[in-house]
Amino acid sequence: MTIKQLRSHRIFDISMFDVIIAWIGLYFFFVIYQKIKPIGYPDINDPAMKTTIFLLPISIISHVMFNVPTELNYKLGISRKPIR
């Protein structure tokens, strides 16, 4: 099975494969985050919005670094339009 086949299953034009991989990545991030608990960062029990605001720049930077075009990065003007 190719990556194109995996990404072909969509709901509201969003690839389910991408969503599942992102959730798995966030799960491992939180497991590590809870073990090291950096000083000055929000507690894991804080509202989800603070965590989202914390992770959004990391997501944008990693997609740009690995040259993965996303709709958000396209609208921000930092990557090409994603091919759907």
Protein backbone atom coordinates (compact mmCIF):
# COMPACT_ATOMS: atom_id res chain seq x y z
CA MET A 1 0.00 0.00 0.00
CA THR A 2 1.43 3.37 -1.00
CA ILE A 3 1.25 6.65 0.91
CA LYS A 4 -1.07 7.98 -1.81
CA GLN A 5 -3.49 5.12 -1.17
CA LEU A 6 -3.31 5.68 2.58
CA ARG A 7 -4.05 9.38 2.16
CA SER A 8 -6.95 8.77 -0.25
CA HIS A 9 -9.51 8.13 2.52
CA ARG A 10 -10.96 11.52 3.39
CA ILE A 11 -13.63 13.13 5.53
CA PHE A 12 -14.43 16.80 4.77
CA ASP A 13 -11.42 16.79 2.40
CA ILE A 14 -9.04 15.90 5.25
CA SER A 15 -6.90 12.79 4.98
CA MET A 16 -7.74 10.38 7.79
CA PHE A 17 -4.21 8.95 7.59
CA ASP A 18 -2.74 12.39 8.35
CA VAL A 19 -5.10 12.92 11.28
CA ILE A 20 -4.32 9.51 12.80
CA ILE A 21 -0.55 9.99 12.41
CA ALA A 22 -0.81 13.44 14.01
CA TRP A 23 -2.76 12.00 16.98
CA ILE A 24 -0.17 9.24 17.44
CA GLY A 25 2.62 11.84 17.31
CA LEU A 26 0.84 14.04 19.86
CA TYR A 27 0.31 11.05 22.15
CA PHE A 28 4.04 10.29 22.20
CA PHE A 29 4.84 13.99 22.62
CA PHE A 30 2.60 14.19 25.69
CA VAL A 31 4.07 11.00 27.18
CA ILE A 32 7.56 12.48 26.91
CA TYR A 33 6.35 15.94 27.97
CA GLN A 34 4.80 14.56 31.17
CA LYS A 35 8.06 12.82 32.06
CA ILE A 36 10.32 15.88 31.64
CA LYS A 37 7.81 18.69 32.53
CA PRO A 38 9.78 21.73 31.31
CA ILE A 39 9.63 24.71 33.66
CA GLY A 40 7.73 27.69 32.28
CA TYR A 41 5.48 25.73 29.93
CA PRO A 42 1.78 25.10 30.55
CA ASP A 43 0.79 22.13 32.66
CA ILE A 44 -0.71 19.24 30.71
CA ASN A 45 -3.95 19.72 32.65
CA ASP A 46 -4.39 23.28 31.32
CA PRO A 47 -7.05 23.88 28.67
CA ALA A 48 -6.44 22.32 25.26
CA MET A 49 -6.18 25.73 23.59
CA LYS A 50 -2.90 26.53 25.36
CA THR A 51 -1.45 23.25 24.17
CA THR A 52 -2.67 23.87 20.64
CA ILE A 53 -1.12 27.33 20.61
CA PHE A 54 2.13 25.78 21.87
CA LEU A 55 2.17 23.05 19.19
CA LEU A 56 0.97 25.02 16.16
CA PRO A 57 4.30 26.78 15.47
CA ILE A 58 6.15 23.47 15.84
CA SER A 59 3.78 21.89 13.32
CA ILE A 60 4.19 24.71 10.81
CA ILE A 61 8.00 24.71 11.11
CA SER A 62 8.27 20.92 10.77
CA HIS A 63 6.09 20.90 7.64
CA VAL A 64 8.23 23.64 6.09
CA MET A 65 11.48 21.87 7.06
CA PHE A 66 10.38 18.60 5.45
CA ASN A 67 8.84 20.40 2.45
CA VAL A 68 5.32 19.07 3.10
CA PRO A 69 2.78 21.46 1.58
CA THR A 70 -0.29 22.09 3.72
CA GLU A 71 -3.32 24.29 3.18
CA LEU A 72 -2.47 26.42 6.24
CA ASN A 73 1.13 26.97 5.13
CA TYR A 74 -0.13 27.83 1.63
CA LYS A 75 -2.51 30.42 3.04
CA LEU A 76 0.31 31.81 5.20
CA GLY A 77 2.40 32.14 2.01
CA ILE A 78 5.24 29.83 3.09
CA SER A 79 4.63 26.76 0.90
CA ARG A 80 3.12 25.78 -2.41
CA LYS A 81 -0.51 24.73 -2.77
CA PRO A 82 -0.99 21.11 -1.71
CA ILE A 83 -1.95 18.65 -4.43
CA ARG A 84 -5.23 16.91 -3.62
